[in-house]
Protein backbone atom coordinates (compact mmCIF):
# COMPACT_ATOMS: atom_id res chain seq x y z
CA MET A 1 65.82 -29.47 74.10
CA GLN A 2 63.86 -26.77 72.30
CA SER A 3 63.75 -23.19 73.52
CA PHE A 4 61.03 -20.64 72.86
CA ALA A 5 60.96 -16.96 73.69
CA ARG A 6 58.04 -15.74 75.78
CA GLN A 7 56.82 -13.68 72.82
CA GLU A 8 56.79 -16.77 70.59
CA ILE A 9 54.51 -18.51 73.10
CA VAL A 10 52.24 -15.46 73.15
CA TRP A 11 52.07 -15.41 69.33
CA ALA A 12 51.33 -19.13 69.14
CA SER A 13 48.54 -18.90 71.70
CA LYS A 14 47.02 -15.91 69.88
CA GLU A 15 47.01 -17.86 66.61
CA MET A 16 45.35 -20.79 68.37
CA PHE A 17 42.63 -18.53 69.78
CA GLU A 18 42.00 -17.16 66.29
CA ALA A 19 41.93 -20.64 64.75
CA SER A 20 39.46 -21.70 67.42
CA ASP A 21 37.20 -18.78 66.55
CA ARG A 22 37.37 -19.68 62.83
CA LEU A 23 36.42 -23.27 63.61
CA LYS A 24 33.45 -22.11 65.67
CA GLN A 25 32.28 -20.04 62.69
CA ALA A 26 32.80 -23.02 60.37
CA ALA A 27 30.71 -25.16 62.71
CA LYS A 28 27.82 -22.70 62.41
CA MET A 29 27.96 -22.98 58.62
CA ALA A 30 28.44 -26.77 58.50
CA THR A 31 25.64 -28.76 56.93
CA ALA A 32 26.56 -32.20 58.25
CA GLU A 33 26.26 -32.98 61.95
CA ILE A 34 29.60 -34.86 61.97
CA GLU A 35 31.38 -31.88 60.42
CA ARG A 36 29.83 -29.54 62.98
CA GLY A 37 30.89 -31.82 65.82
CA LEU A 38 34.46 -32.16 64.57
CA CYS A 39 34.82 -28.39 64.15
CA LEU A 40 33.53 -27.77 67.67
CA LEU A 41 35.78 -30.47 69.14
CA ARG A 42 38.89 -29.07 67.47
CA ALA A 43 37.91 -25.52 68.50
CA GLU A 44 37.59 -26.66 72.12
CA GLN A 45 40.97 -28.41 71.97
CA LEU A 46 42.73 -25.37 70.50
CA GLN A 47 41.06 -23.08 73.05
CA SER A 48 42.29 -25.26 75.91
CA ILE A 49 45.87 -25.37 74.61
CA ALA A 50 45.89 -21.63 73.96
CA GLU A 51 44.64 -20.88 77.48
CA ARG A 52 47.37 -23.02 79.05
CA LEU A 53 50.10 -21.48 76.89
CA SER A 54 48.84 -17.97 77.66
CA ALA A 55 48.83 -18.72 81.38
CA ALA A 56 52.39 -20.05 81.19
CA ALA A 57 53.55 -16.91 79.35
CA GLU A 58 51.75 -14.56 81.75
CA ASN A 59 53.09 -16.36 84.83
CA GLY A 60 56.60 -16.27 83.46
CA ASP A 61 56.91 -20.05 83.70
CA ARG A 62 60.37 -21.13 82.64
CA ARG A 63 59.44 -24.74 81.93
CA ILE A 64 56.57 -26.34 80.08
CA ALA A 65 56.15 -30.09 80.33
CA VAL A 66 55.46 -32.16 77.24
CA ARG A 67 53.71 -35.44 78.02
């Protein structure tokens, strides 16, 4: 079993939010439609994960399920 401190979860979610923002900027500058779509898809995925991790940290959840 792996253990993470609440602060580590907060840091990881913050980094994911920032990576998502960078990908959204990259999508605006992309010249190919496929590149734009992939950047936006990955940004959306990172945003979703970051939101769930942030919520778990804020709620003080002691367990996070990995499926």
